[in-house]
Amino acid sequence: MLKGFIDFVREQGVIGLTIGFIIGGSVTKVVTALVTDLVTPFIGLILGSTRNLKEAYLLVGSSKFMWGDFISNLIDFIVIALIIYILVKIIGVDRIDKKKQENK
């Protein structure tokens, strides 16, 4: 049973997935800091307000639409996706997957 588990971990790339998960958490922290500390104030200057973008909202009746928080999270997503795309291209993971598919 232990041998089967070790084979599973080795063959299914669980270790690589774990490393990617840990690095992904670190990249997320860096990107969030980048967006919060650099991008958000720049957008605030463009919009004419230097307050935190995450706090921007539109009040309609008694409802608060937190559009600033949505935009901030969208920027986080775009930057993280761009970083992952660039890293995949640099490492060449997409070429490795294509070669595996061609060999099957």
C-alpha atoms as a PDB file:
ATOM      1  CA  MET A   1       0.000   0.000   0.000  1.00  0.00           C
ATOM      2  CA  LEU A   2       2.843   2.419   0.815  1.00  0.00           C
ATOM      3  CA  LYS A   3       4.553   1.613  -2.475  1.00  0.00           C
ATOM      4  CA  GLY A   4       1.322   2.402  -4.328  1.00  0.00           C
ATOM      5  CA  PHE A   5       1.062   5.739  -2.538  1.00  0.00           C
ATOM      6  CA  ILE A   6       4.688   6.642  -3.334  1.00  0.00           C
ATOM      7  CA  ASP A   7       4.131   5.712  -7.000  1.00  0.00           C
ATOM      8  CA  PHE A   8       0.994   7.858  -7.060  1.00  0.00           C
ATOM      9  CA  VAL A   9       2.853  10.877  -5.641  1.00  0.00           C
ATOM     10  CA  ARG A  10       5.725  10.436  -8.080  1.00  0.00           C
ATOM     11  CA  GLU A  11       3.674   9.764 -11.221  1.00  0.00           C
ATOM     12  CA  GLN A  12       0.859  12.243 -10.724  1.00  0.00           C
ATOM     13  CA  GLY A  13       3.126  15.212  -9.988  1.00  0.00           C
ATOM     14  CA  VAL A  14       1.763  15.810  -6.492  1.00  0.00           C
ATOM     15  CA  ILE A  15       5.081  17.244  -5.321  1.00  0.00           C
ATOM     16  CA  GLY A  16       5.175  19.692  -8.223  1.00  0.00           C
ATOM     17  CA  LEU A  17       1.579  20.658  -7.522  1.00  0.00           C
ATOM     18  CA  THR A  18       2.430  21.288  -3.875  1.00  0.00           C
ATOM     19  CA  ILE A  19       5.406  23.456  -4.780  1.00  0.00           C
ATOM     20  CA  GLY A  20       3.261  25.366  -7.272  1.00  0.00           C
ATOM     21  CA  PHE A  21       0.578  25.916  -4.650  1.00  0.00           C
ATOM     22  CA  ILE A  22       3.082  27.324  -2.146  1.00  0.00           C
ATOM     23  CA  ILE A  23       4.735  29.578  -4.727  1.00  0.00           C
ATOM     24  CA  GLY A  24       1.294  30.659  -5.946  1.00  0.00           C
ATOM     25  CA  GLY A  25       0.413  31.843  -2.448  1.00  0.00           C
ATOM     26  CA  SER A  26       3.583  33.913  -2.326  1.00  0.00           C
ATOM     27  CA  VAL A  27       2.986  35.380  -5.777  1.00  0.00           C
ATOM     28  CA  THR A  28      -0.551  36.311  -4.728  1.00  0.00           C
ATOM     29  CA  LYS A  29       0.784  38.270  -1.739  1.00  0.00           C
ATOM     30  CA  VAL A  30       3.291  40.124  -3.916  1.00  0.00           C
ATOM     31  CA  VAL A  31       0.692  40.944  -6.586  1.00  0.00           C
ATOM     32  CA  THR A  32      -1.799  42.130  -3.966  1.00  0.00           C
ATOM     33  CA  ALA A  33       0.851  44.429  -2.498  1.00  0.00           C
ATOM     34  CA  LEU A  34       1.721  45.687  -5.990  1.00  0.00           C
ATOM     35  CA  VAL A  35      -1.899  46.471  -6.797  1.00  0.00           C
ATOM     36  CA  THR A  36      -2.699  47.964  -3.380  1.00  0.00           C
ATOM     37  CA  ASP A  37       0.457  50.055  -3.018  1.00  0.00           C
ATOM     38  CA  LEU A  38       1.230  51.099  -6.605  1.00  0.00           C
ATOM     39  CA  VAL A  39      -1.611  50.501  -9.072  1.00  0.00           C
ATOM     40  CA  THR A  40      -4.501  51.627  -6.852  1.00  0.00           C
ATOM     41  CA  PRO A  41      -2.989  55.034  -5.976  1.00  0.00           C
ATOM     42  CA  PHE A  42      -2.239  55.601  -9.682  1.00  0.00           C
ATOM     43  CA  ILE A  43      -5.853  54.827 -10.600  1.00  0.00           C
ATOM     44  CA  GLY A  44      -6.924  57.105  -7.759  1.00  0.00           C
ATOM     45  CA  LEU A  45      -4.942  59.967  -9.294  1.00  0.00           C
ATOM     46  CA  ILE A  46      -6.605  59.364 -12.655  1.00  0.00           C
ATOM     47  CA  LEU A  47     -10.053  59.304 -11.042  1.00  0.00           C
ATOM     48  CA  GLY A  48      -9.251  62.402  -8.979  1.00  0.00           C
ATOM     49  CA  SER A  49      -9.315  60.684  -5.610  1.00  0.00           C
ATOM     50  CA  THR A  50      -6.426  59.382  -3.554  1.00  0.00           C
ATOM     51  CA  ARG A  51      -8.533  57.195  -1.264  1.00  0.00           C
ATOM     52  CA  ASN A  52      -8.369  53.413  -1.376  1.00  0.00           C
ATOM     53  CA  LEU A  53      -9.943  52.000  -4.546  1.00  0.00           C
ATOM     54  CA  LYS A  54     -11.352  49.034  -2.599  1.00  0.00           C
ATOM     55  CA  GLU A  55     -13.538  51.443  -0.631  1.00  0.00           C
ATOM     56  CA  ALA A  56     -15.142  53.048  -3.715  1.00  0.00           C
ATOM     57  CA  TYR A  57     -18.856  52.358  -3.960  1.00  0.00           C
ATOM     58  CA  LEU A  58     -22.062  53.513  -5.581  1.00  0.00           C
ATOM     59  CA  LEU A  59     -25.003  54.084  -3.265  1.00  0.00           C
ATOM     60  CA  VAL A  60     -28.382  53.212  -4.789  1.00  0.00           C
ATOM     61  CA  GLY A  61     -31.155  53.498  -2.258  1.00  0.00           C
ATOM     62  CA  SER A  62     -30.007  51.514   0.756  1.00  0.00           C
ATOM     63  CA  SER A  63     -27.738  49.236  -1.316  1.00  0.00           C
ATOM     64  CA  LYS A  64     -23.999  49.745  -1.583  1.00  0.00           C
ATOM     65  CA  PHE A  65     -22.382  48.547  -4.826  1.00  0.00           C
ATOM     66  CA  MET A  66     -18.689  47.992  -4.045  1.00  0.00           C
ATOM     67  CA  TRP A  67     -17.393  48.547  -7.573  1.00  0.00           C
ATOM     68  CA  GLY A  68     -13.940  49.564  -6.333  1.00  0.00           C
ATOM     69  CA  ASP A  69     -13.380  46.253  -4.563  1.00  0.00           C
ATOM     70  CA  PHE A  70     -14.435  44.394  -7.706  1.00  0.00           C
ATOM     71  CA  ILE A  71     -12.047  46.419  -9.907  1.00  0.00           C
ATOM     72  CA  SER A  72      -9.202  45.881  -7.433  1.00  0.00           C
ATOM     73  CA  ASN A  73      -9.761  42.111  -7.394  1.00  0.00           C
ATOM     74  CA  LEU A  74     -10.044  42.081 -11.182  1.00  0.00           C
ATOM     75  CA  ILE A  75      -6.668  43.841 -11.458  1.00  0.00           C
ATOM     76  CA  ASP A  76      -5.177  41.267  -9.039  1.00  0.00           C
ATOM     77  CA  PHE A  77      -6.517  38.438 -11.218  1.00  0.00           C
ATOM     78  CA  ILE A  78      -5.216  39.924 -14.461  1.00  0.00           C
ATOM     79  CA  VAL A  79      -1.721  40.516 -13.048  1.00  0.00           C
ATOM     80  CA  ILE A  80      -1.534  37.002 -11.540  1.00  0.00           C
ATOM     81  CA  ALA A  81      -2.765  35.407 -14.790  1.00  0.00           C
ATOM     82  CA  LEU A  82      -0.190  37.406 -16.766  1.00  0.00           C
ATOM     83  CA  ILE A  83       2.632  36.337 -14.433  1.00  0.00           C
ATOM     84  CA  ILE A  84       1.601  32.683 -14.655  1.00  0.00           C
ATOM     85  CA  TYR A  85       1.375  32.914 -18.454  1.00  0.00           C
ATOM     86  CA  ILE A  86       4.862  34.420 -18.683  1.00  0.00           C
ATOM     87  CA  LEU A  87       6.326  31.822 -16.303  1.00  0.00           C
ATOM     88  CA  VAL A  88       4.755  28.951 -18.251  1.00  0.00           C
ATOM     89  CA  LYS A  89       6.228  30.331 -21.487  1.00  0.00           C
ATOM     90  CA  ILE A  90       9.678  30.830 -19.891  1.00  0.00           C
ATOM     91  CA  ILE A  91       9.784  27.379 -18.302  1.00  0.00           C
ATOM     92  CA  GLY A  92       8.337  25.754 -21.392  1.00  0.00           C
ATOM     93  CA  VAL A  93       5.728  23.644 -19.586  1.00  0.00           C
ATOM     94  CA  ASP A  94       3.347  23.993 -22.518  1.00  0.00           C
ATOM     95  CA  ARG A  95       5.923  22.363 -24.834  1.00  0.00           C
ATOM     96  CA  ILE A  96       6.435  19.474 -22.397  1.00  0.00           C
ATOM     97  CA  ASP A  97       2.686  18.778 -22.323  1.00  0.00           C
ATOM     98  CA  LYS A  98       2.515  18.834 -26.142  1.00  0.00           C
ATOM     99  CA  LYS A  99       5.374  16.322 -26.375  1.00  0.00           C
ATOM    100  CA  LYS A 100       3.633  14.018 -23.861  1.00  0.00           C
ATOM    101  CA  GLN A 101       0.425  14.130 -25.899  1.00  0.00           C
ATOM    102  CA  GLU A 102       2.275  13.422 -29.141  1.00  0.00           C
ATOM    103  CA  ASN A 103       3.990  10.356 -27.610  1.00  0.00           C
ATOM    104  CA  LYS A 104       0.684   8.781 -26.550  1.00  0.00           C
END
